[in-house]
Amino acid sequence: MSKKNSVAIMTTISAFLFCAVIVAASLSPLAGTGAAANQFNSVGMWSAVGMILVLYFIPFLVYMLGVDAMRYVMA
C-alpha cells in the first residue's frame, strides 16, 4: 500500500470517529444543559460536523495534490 493510500484511509477514519464523538455528545443528557451545547440533529451539531470535515479534508486535498509538507500539518 502506498503512503498516500494509508494517509487517505487514516484521515477518513479519524474524521469519521471525530464526527461520531460530536454526534454521541449531542445524544448525551448534558446536551440540553446550556445554550452553547449542540442538541442532536440541530443546526449547531451539523455545523460542527461540517467544520470538522472541512478542517480535515482541505489539508488532505492539498497533501493529495502533492505538497508533501502537508503531512506535518495533518499530523
PDB file of N, CA and C in Angstrom:
ATOM      1  N   MET A   1       0.854  -1.178   0.000  1.00  0.00           N
ATOM      2  CA  MET A   1       0.000   0.000   0.000  1.00  0.00           C
ATOM      3  C   MET A   1       0.897   1.237   0.000  1.00  0.00           C
ATOM      4  N   SER A   2       0.560   2.200  -0.829  1.00  0.00           N
ATOM      5  CA  SER A   2       1.382   3.396  -0.905  1.00  0.00           C
ATOM      6  C   SER A   2       1.135   4.308   0.300  1.00  0.00           C
ATOM      7  N   LYS A   3       2.043   5.258   0.479  1.00  0.00           N
ATOM      8  CA  LYS A   3       1.945   6.177   1.611  1.00  0.00           C
ATOM      9  C   LYS A   3       0.686   7.038   1.504  1.00  0.00           C
ATOM     10  N   LYS A   4       0.349   7.467   0.290  1.00  0.00           N
ATOM     11  CA  LYS A   4      -0.835   8.317   0.121  1.00  0.00           C
ATOM     12  C   LYS A   4      -2.119   7.554   0.421  1.00  0.00           C
ATOM     13  N   ASN A   5      -2.159   6.280   0.065  1.00  0.00           N
ATOM     14  CA  ASN A   5      -3.355   5.493   0.368  1.00  0.00           C
ATOM     15  C   ASN A   5      -3.524   5.296   1.863  1.00  0.00           C
ATOM     16  N   SER A   6      -2.430   5.051   2.570  1.00  0.00           N
ATOM     17  CA  SER A   6      -2.538   4.869   4.019  1.00  0.00           C
ATOM     18  C   SER A   6      -2.923   6.171   4.712  1.00  0.00           C
ATOM     19  N   VAL A   7      -2.420   7.300   4.213  1.00  0.00           N
ATOM     20  CA  VAL A   7      -2.812   8.597   4.766  1.00  0.00           C
ATOM     21  C   VAL A   7      -4.293   8.856   4.492  1.00  0.00           C
ATOM     22  N   ALA A   8      -4.759   8.494   3.319  1.00  0.00           N
ATOM     23  CA  ALA A   8      -6.169   8.690   2.976  1.00  0.00           C
ATOM     24  C   ALA A   8      -7.065   7.856   3.880  1.00  0.00           C
ATOM     25  N   ILE A   9      -6.694   6.618   4.121  1.00  0.00           N
ATOM     26  CA  ILE A   9      -7.501   5.748   4.974  1.00  0.00           C
ATOM     27  C   ILE A   9      -7.518   6.262   6.404  1.00  0.00           C
ATOM     28  N   MET A  10      -6.359   6.620   6.933  1.00  0.00           N
ATOM     29  CA  MET A  10      -6.290   7.090   8.315  1.00  0.00           C
ATOM     30  C   MET A  10      -7.008   8.428   8.492  1.00  0.00           C
ATOM     31  N   THR A  11      -6.923   9.319   7.514  1.00  0.00           N
ATOM     32  CA  THR A  11      -7.623  10.602   7.601  1.00  0.00           C
ATOM     33  C   THR A  11      -9.129  10.406   7.579  1.00  0.00           C
ATOM     34  N   THR A  12      -9.599   9.522   6.732  1.00  0.00           N
ATOM     35  CA  THR A  12     -11.036   9.251   6.652  1.00  0.00           C
ATOM     36  C   THR A  12     -11.556   8.625   7.939  1.00  0.00           C
ATOM     37  N   ILE A  13     -10.819   7.659   8.475  1.00  0.00           N
ATOM     38  CA  ILE A  13     -11.226   7.016   9.730  1.00  0.00           C
ATOM     39  C   ILE A  13     -11.217   8.024  10.869  1.00  0.00           C
ATOM     40  N   SER A  14     -10.191   8.851  10.940  1.00  0.00           N
ATOM     41  CA  SER A  14     -10.086   9.846  12.005  1.00  0.00           C
ATOM     42  C   SER A  14     -11.214  10.868  11.925  1.00  0.00           C
ATOM     43  N   ALA A  15     -11.522  11.340  10.721  1.00  0.00           N
ATOM     44  CA  ALA A  15     -12.609  12.305  10.560  1.00  0.00           C
ATOM     45  C   ALA A  15     -13.950  11.680  10.938  1.00  0.00           C
ATOM     46  N   PHE A  16     -14.171  10.428  10.538  1.00  0.00           N
ATOM     47  CA  PHE A  16     -15.413   9.749  10.881  1.00  0.00           C
ATOM     48  C   PHE A  16     -15.550   9.587  12.395  1.00  0.00           C
ATOM     49  N   LEU A  17     -14.475   9.186  13.066  1.00  0.00           N
ATOM     50  CA  LEU A  17     -14.551   8.996  14.515  1.00  0.00           C
ATOM     51  C   LEU A  17     -14.742  10.320  15.248  1.00  0.00           C
ATOM     52  N   PHE A  18     -14.110  11.378  14.768  1.00  0.00           N
ATOM     53  CA  PHE A  18     -14.281  12.684  15.398  1.00  0.00           C
ATOM     54  C   PHE A  18     -15.712  13.173  15.224  1.00  0.00           C
ATOM     55  N   CYS A  19     -16.297  12.945  14.044  1.00  0.00           N
ATOM     56  CA  CYS A  19     -17.708  13.303  13.833  1.00  0.00           C
ATOM     57  C   CYS A  19     -18.619  12.453  14.709  1.00  0.00           C
ATOM     58  N   ALA A  20     -18.254  11.193  14.905  1.00  0.00           N
ATOM     59  CA  ALA A  20     -19.044  10.315  15.772  1.00  0.00           C
ATOM     60  C   ALA A  20     -19.013  10.796  17.217  1.00  0.00           C
ATOM     61  N   VAL A  21     -17.893  11.359  17.655  1.00  0.00           N
ATOM     62  CA  VAL A  21     -17.811  11.914  19.007  1.00  0.00           C
ATOM     63  C   VAL A  21     -18.763  13.099  19.154  1.00  0.00           C
ATOM     64  N   ILE A  22     -18.810  13.959  18.151  1.00  0.00           N
ATOM     65  CA  ILE A  22     -19.721  15.105  18.196  1.00  0.00           C
ATOM     66  C   ILE A  22     -21.173  14.641  18.245  1.00  0.00           C
ATOM     67  N   VAL A  23     -21.521  13.655  17.428  1.00  0.00           N
ATOM     68  CA  VAL A  23     -22.892  13.144  17.411  1.00  0.00           C
ATOM     69  C   VAL A  23     -23.218  12.452  18.732  1.00  0.00           C
ATOM     70  N   ALA A  24     -22.280  11.656  19.265  1.00  0.00           N
ATOM     71  CA  ALA A  24     -22.525  10.978  20.536  1.00  0.00           C
ATOM     72  C   ALA A  24     -22.672  11.981  21.675  1.00  0.00           C
ATOM     73  N   ALA A  25     -21.894  13.047  21.648  1.00  0.00           N
ATOM     74  CA  ALA A  25     -22.019  14.071  22.685  1.00  0.00           C
ATOM     75  C   ALA A  25     -23.358  14.792  22.588  1.00  0.00           C
ATOM     76  N   SER A  26     -23.866  14.945  21.383  1.00  0.00           N
ATOM     77  CA  SER A  26     -25.166  15.606  21.241  1.00  0.00           C
ATOM     78  C   SER A  26     -26.311  14.711  21.702  1.00  0.00           C
ATOM     79  N   LEU A  27     -26.074  13.421  21.812  1.00  0.00           N
ATOM     80  CA  LEU A  27     -27.094  12.497  22.301  1.00  0.00           C
ATOM     81  C   LEU A  27     -27.102  12.366  23.817  1.00  0.00           C
ATOM     82  N   SER A  28     -26.066  12.870  24.475  1.00  0.00           N
ATOM     83  CA  SER A  28     -25.982  12.725  25.926  1.00  0.00           C
ATOM     84  C   SER A  28     -26.964  13.659  26.624  1.00  0.00           C
ATOM     85  N   PRO A  29     -27.306  13.360  27.868  1.00  0.00           N
ATOM     86  CA  PRO A  29     -28.222  14.245  28.607  1.00  0.00           C
ATOM     87  C   PRO A  29     -27.651  15.640  28.847  1.00  0.00           C
ATOM     88  N   LEU A  30     -26.337  15.775  28.819  1.00  0.00           N
ATOM     89  CA  LEU A  30     -25.722  17.082  29.039  1.00  0.00           C
ATOM     90  C   LEU A  30     -25.909  18.029  27.858  1.00  0.00           C
ATOM     91  N   ALA A  31     -26.359  17.508  26.731  1.00  0.00           N
ATOM     92  CA  ALA A  31     -26.521  18.346  25.546  1.00  0.00           C
ATOM     93  C   ALA A  31     -27.623  19.380  25.704  1.00  0.00           C
ATOM     94  N   GLY A  32     -28.517  19.165  26.630  1.00  0.00           N
ATOM     95  CA  GLY A  32     -29.599  20.123  26.819  1.00  0.00           C
ATOM     96  C   GLY A  32     -29.381  21.083  27.966  1.00  0.00           C
ATOM     97  N   THR A  33     -28.177  21.107  28.543  1.00  0.00           N
ATOM     98  CA  THR A  33     -27.960  21.901  29.747  1.00  0.00           C
ATOM     99  C   THR A  33     -27.585  23.351  29.482  1.00  0.00           C
ATOM    100  N   GLY A  34     -27.021  23.652  28.339  1.00  0.00           N
ATOM    101  CA  GLY A  34     -26.575  25.020  28.121  1.00  0.00           C
ATOM    102  C   GLY A  34     -26.968  25.548  26.761  1.00  0.00           C
ATOM    103  N   ALA A  35     -26.817  26.827  26.605  1.00  0.00           N
ATOM    104  CA  ALA A  35     -27.181  27.443  25.331  1.00  0.00           C
ATOM    105  C   ALA A  35     -26.169  27.119  24.237  1.00  0.00           C
ATOM    106  N   ALA A  36     -24.925  26.841  24.616  1.00  0.00           N
ATOM    107  CA  ALA A  36     -23.887  26.555  23.630  1.00  0.00           C
ATOM    108  C   ALA A  36     -23.770  25.068  23.318  1.00  0.00           C
ATOM    109  N   ALA A  37     -24.551  24.228  23.973  1.00  0.00           N
ATOM    110  CA  ALA A  37     -24.486  22.789  23.738  1.00  0.00           C
ATOM    111  C   ALA A  37     -25.236  22.433  22.463  1.00  0.00           C
ATOM    112  N   ASN A  38     -24.694  21.480  21.721  1.00  0.00           N
ATOM    113  CA  ASN A  38     -25.331  21.037  20.485  1.00  0.00           C
ATOM    114  C   ASN A  38     -26.285  19.889  20.777  1.00  0.00           C
ATOM    115  N   GLN A  39     -27.542  20.084  20.466  1.00  0.00           N
ATOM    116  CA  GLN A  39     -28.513  19.012  20.613  1.00  0.00           C
ATOM    117  C   GLN A  39     -28.549  18.214  19.318  1.00  0.00           C
ATOM    118  N   PHE A  40     -28.956  16.955  19.417  1.00  0.00           N
ATOM    119  CA  PHE A  40     -28.946  16.064  18.256  1.00  0.00           C
ATOM    120  C   PHE A  40     -29.824  16.613  17.137  1.00  0.00           C
ATOM    121  N   ASN A  41     -29.280  16.546  15.926  1.00  0.00           N
ATOM    122  CA  ASN A  41     -29.950  16.961  14.695  1.00  0.00           C
ATOM    123  C   ASN A  41     -30.282  18.451  14.668  1.00  0.00           C
ATOM    124  N   SER A  42     -29.532  19.244  15.418  1.00  0.00           N
ATOM    125  CA  SER A  42     -29.724  20.687  15.371  1.00  0.00           C
ATOM    126  C   SER A  42     -28.754  21.293  14.354  1.00  0.00           C
ATOM    127  N   VAL A  43     -28.979  22.544  14.050  1.00  0.00           N
ATOM    128  CA  VAL A  43     -28.091  23.245  13.124  1.00  0.00           C
ATOM    129  C   VAL A  43     -26.682  23.324  13.698  1.00  0.00           C
ATOM    130  N   GLY A  44     -26.573  23.497  15.013  1.00  0.00           N
ATOM    131  CA  GLY A  44     -25.261  23.573  15.651  1.00  0.00           C
ATOM    132  C   GLY A  44     -24.482  22.283  15.528  1.00  0.00           C
ATOM    133  N   MET A  45     -25.155  21.152  15.674  1.00  0.00           N
ATOM    134  CA  MET A  45     -24.476  19.861  15.533  1.00  0.00           C
ATOM    135  C   MET A  45     -23.980  19.668  14.104  1.00  0.00           C
ATOM    136  N   TRP A  46     -24.829  19.976  13.130  1.00  0.00           N
ATOM    137  CA  TRP A  46     -24.424  19.776  11.744  1.00  0.00           C
ATOM    138  C   TRP A  46     -23.343  20.767  11.322  1.00  0.00           C
ATOM    139  N   SER A  47     -23.366  21.975  11.857  1.00  0.00           N
ATOM    140  CA  SER A  47     -22.290  22.915  11.529  1.00  0.00           C
ATOM    141  C   SER A  47     -20.973  22.472  12.161  1.00  0.00           C
ATOM    142  N   ALA A  48     -21.032  21.868  13.358  1.00  0.00           N
ATOM    143  CA  ALA A  48     -19.820  21.334  13.977  1.00  0.00           C
ATOM    144  C   ALA A  48     -19.260  20.173  13.166  1.00  0.00           C
ATOM    145  N   VAL A  49     -20.134  19.288  12.706  1.00  0.00           N
ATOM    146  CA  VAL A  49     -19.681  18.172  11.872  1.00  0.00           C
ATOM    147  C   VAL A  49     -19.111  18.694  10.548  1.00  0.00           C
ATOM    148  N   GLY A  50     -19.761  19.675   9.963  1.00  0.00           N
ATOM    149  CA  GLY A  50     -19.264  20.261   8.720  1.00  0.00           C
ATOM    150  C   GLY A  50     -17.908  20.926   8.882  1.00  0.00           C
ATOM    151  N   MET A  51     -17.727  21.638   9.991  1.00  0.00           N
ATOM    152  CA  MET A  51     -16.428  22.277  10.238  1.00  0.00           C
ATOM    153  C   MET A  51     -15.327  21.242  10.431  1.00  0.00           C
ATOM    154  N   ILE A  52     -15.645  20.151  11.103  1.00  0.00           N
ATOM    155  CA  ILE A  52     -14.662  19.085  11.272  1.00  0.00           C
ATOM    156  C   ILE A  52     -14.255  18.537   9.908  1.00  0.00           C
ATOM    157  N   LEU A  53     -15.241  18.271   9.064  1.00  0.00           N
ATOM    158  CA  LEU A  53     -14.922  17.722   7.745  1.00  0.00           C
ATOM    159  C   LEU A  53     -14.118  18.698   6.900  1.00  0.00           C
ATOM    160  N   VAL A  54     -14.453  19.976   6.973  1.00  0.00           N
ATOM    161  CA  VAL A  54     -13.693  20.981   6.213  1.00  0.00           C
ATOM    162  C   VAL A  54     -12.258  21.054   6.726  1.00  0.00           C
ATOM    163  N   LEU A  55     -12.104  21.089   8.046  1.00  0.00           N
ATOM    164  CA  LEU A  55     -10.756  21.219   8.608  1.00  0.00           C
ATOM    165  C   LEU A  55      -9.917  19.962   8.434  1.00  0.00           C
ATOM    166  N   TYR A  56     -10.545  18.832   8.213  1.00  0.00           N
ATOM    167  CA  TYR A  56      -9.808  17.613   7.915  1.00  0.00           C
ATOM    168  C   TYR A  56      -9.452  17.511   6.443  1.00  0.00           C
ATOM    169  N   PHE A  57     -10.404  17.814   5.571  1.00  0.00           N
ATOM    170  CA  PHE A  57     -10.221  17.466   4.175  1.00  0.00           C
ATOM    171  C   PHE A  57      -9.565  18.540   3.321  1.00  0.00           C
ATOM    172  N   ILE A  58      -9.520  19.782   3.751  1.00  0.00           N
ATOM    173  CA  ILE A  58      -8.758  20.782   2.985  1.00  0.00           C
ATOM    174  C   ILE A  58      -7.263  20.489   3.040  1.00  0.00           C
ATOM    175  N   PRO A  59      -6.657  20.268   4.226  1.00  0.00           N
ATOM    176  CA  PRO A  59      -5.239  19.880   4.216  1.00  0.00           C
ATOM    177  C   PRO A  59      -5.007  18.533   3.523  1.00  0.00           C
ATOM    178  N   PHE A  60      -5.971  17.628   3.648  1.00  0.00           N
ATOM    179  CA  PHE A  60      -5.837  16.335   2.997  1.00  0.00           C
ATOM    180  C   PHE A  60      -5.810  16.479   1.476  1.00  0.00           C
ATOM    181  N   LEU A  61      -6.670  17.325   0.932  1.00  0.00           N
ATOM    182  CA  LEU A  61      -6.671  17.544  -0.511  1.00  0.00           C
ATOM    183  C   LEU A  61      -5.376  18.189  -0.990  1.00  0.00           C
ATOM    184  N   VAL A  62      -4.854  19.127  -0.202  1.00  0.00           N
ATOM    185  CA  VAL A  62      -3.579  19.752  -0.564  1.00  0.00           C
ATOM    186  C   VAL A  62      -2.463  18.710  -0.535  1.00  0.00           C
ATOM    187  N   TYR A  63      -2.489  17.811   0.444  1.00  0.00           N
ATOM    188  CA  TYR A  63      -1.499  16.739   0.511  1.00  0.00           C
ATOM    189  C   TYR A  63      -1.625  15.810  -0.695  1.00  0.00           C
ATOM    190  N   MET A  64      -2.850  15.473  -1.070  1.00  0.00           N
ATOM    191  CA  MET A  64      -3.046  14.579  -2.204  1.00  0.00           C
ATOM    192  C   MET A  64      -2.643  15.236  -3.528  1.00  0.00           C
ATOM    193  N   LEU A  65      -2.650  16.572  -3.572  1.00  0.00           N
ATOM    194  CA  LEU A  65      -2.196  17.273  -4.772  1.00  0.00           C
ATOM    195  C   LEU A  65      -0.683  17.285  -4.901  1.00  0.00           C
ATOM    196  N   GLY A  66       0.028  16.863  -3.859  1.00  0.00           N
ATOM    197  CA  GLY A  66       1.468  16.705  -3.988  1.00  0.00           C
ATOM    198  C   GLY A  66       2.316  17.556  -3.069  1.00  0.00           C
ATOM    199  N   VAL A  67       1.727  18.349  -2.203  1.00  0.00           N
ATOM    200  CA  VAL A  67       2.505  19.149  -1.276  1.00  0.00           C
ATOM    201  C   VAL A  67       2.863  18.249  -0.073  1.00  0.00           C
ATOM    202  N   ASP A  68       4.087  17.751  -0.078  1.00  0.00           N
ATOM    203  CA  ASP A  68       4.490  16.746   0.902  1.00  0.00           C
ATOM    204  C   ASP A  68       4.571  17.328   2.320  1.00  0.00           C
ATOM    205  N   ALA A  69       4.776  18.614   2.441  1.00  0.00           N
ATOM    206  CA  ALA A  69       4.877  19.240   3.774  1.00  0.00           C
ATOM    207  C   ALA A  69       3.556  19.235   4.514  1.00  0.00           C
ATOM    208  N   MET A  70       2.461  18.989   3.818  1.00  0.00           N
ATOM    209  CA  MET A  70       1.137  18.984   4.469  1.00  0.00           C
ATOM    210  C   MET A  70       0.983  17.799   5.420  1.00  0.00           C
ATOM    211  N   ARG A  71       1.801  16.766   5.281  1.00  0.00           N
ATOM    212  CA  ARG A  71       1.671  15.653   6.226  1.00  0.00           C
ATOM    213  C   ARG A  71       2.077  16.093   7.619  1.00  0.00           C
ATOM    214  N   TYR A  72       2.965  17.090   7.745  1.00  0.00           N
ATOM    215  CA  TYR A  72       3.325  17.632   9.052  1.00  0.00           C
ATOM    216  C   TYR A  72       2.184  18.475   9.617  1.00  0.00           C
ATOM    217  N   VAL A  73       1.469  19.176   8.758  1.00  0.00           N
ATOM    218  CA  VAL A  73       0.315  19.947   9.189  1.00  0.00           C
ATOM    219  C   VAL A  73      -0.792  18.999   9.667  1.00  0.00           C
ATOM    220  N   MET A  74      -0.988  17.920   8.933  1.00  0.00           N
ATOM    221  CA  MET A  74      -2.031  16.954   9.264  1.00  0.00           C
ATOM    222  C   MET A  74      -1.691  16.163  10.520  1.00  0.00           C
ATOM    223  N   ALA A  75      -0.416  15.979  10.770  1.00  0.00           N
ATOM    224  CA  ALA A  75      -0.016  15.225  11.975  1.00  0.00           C
ATOM    225  C   ALA A  75      -0.288  16.049  13.202  1.00  0.00           C
TER     226      ALA A  75
END
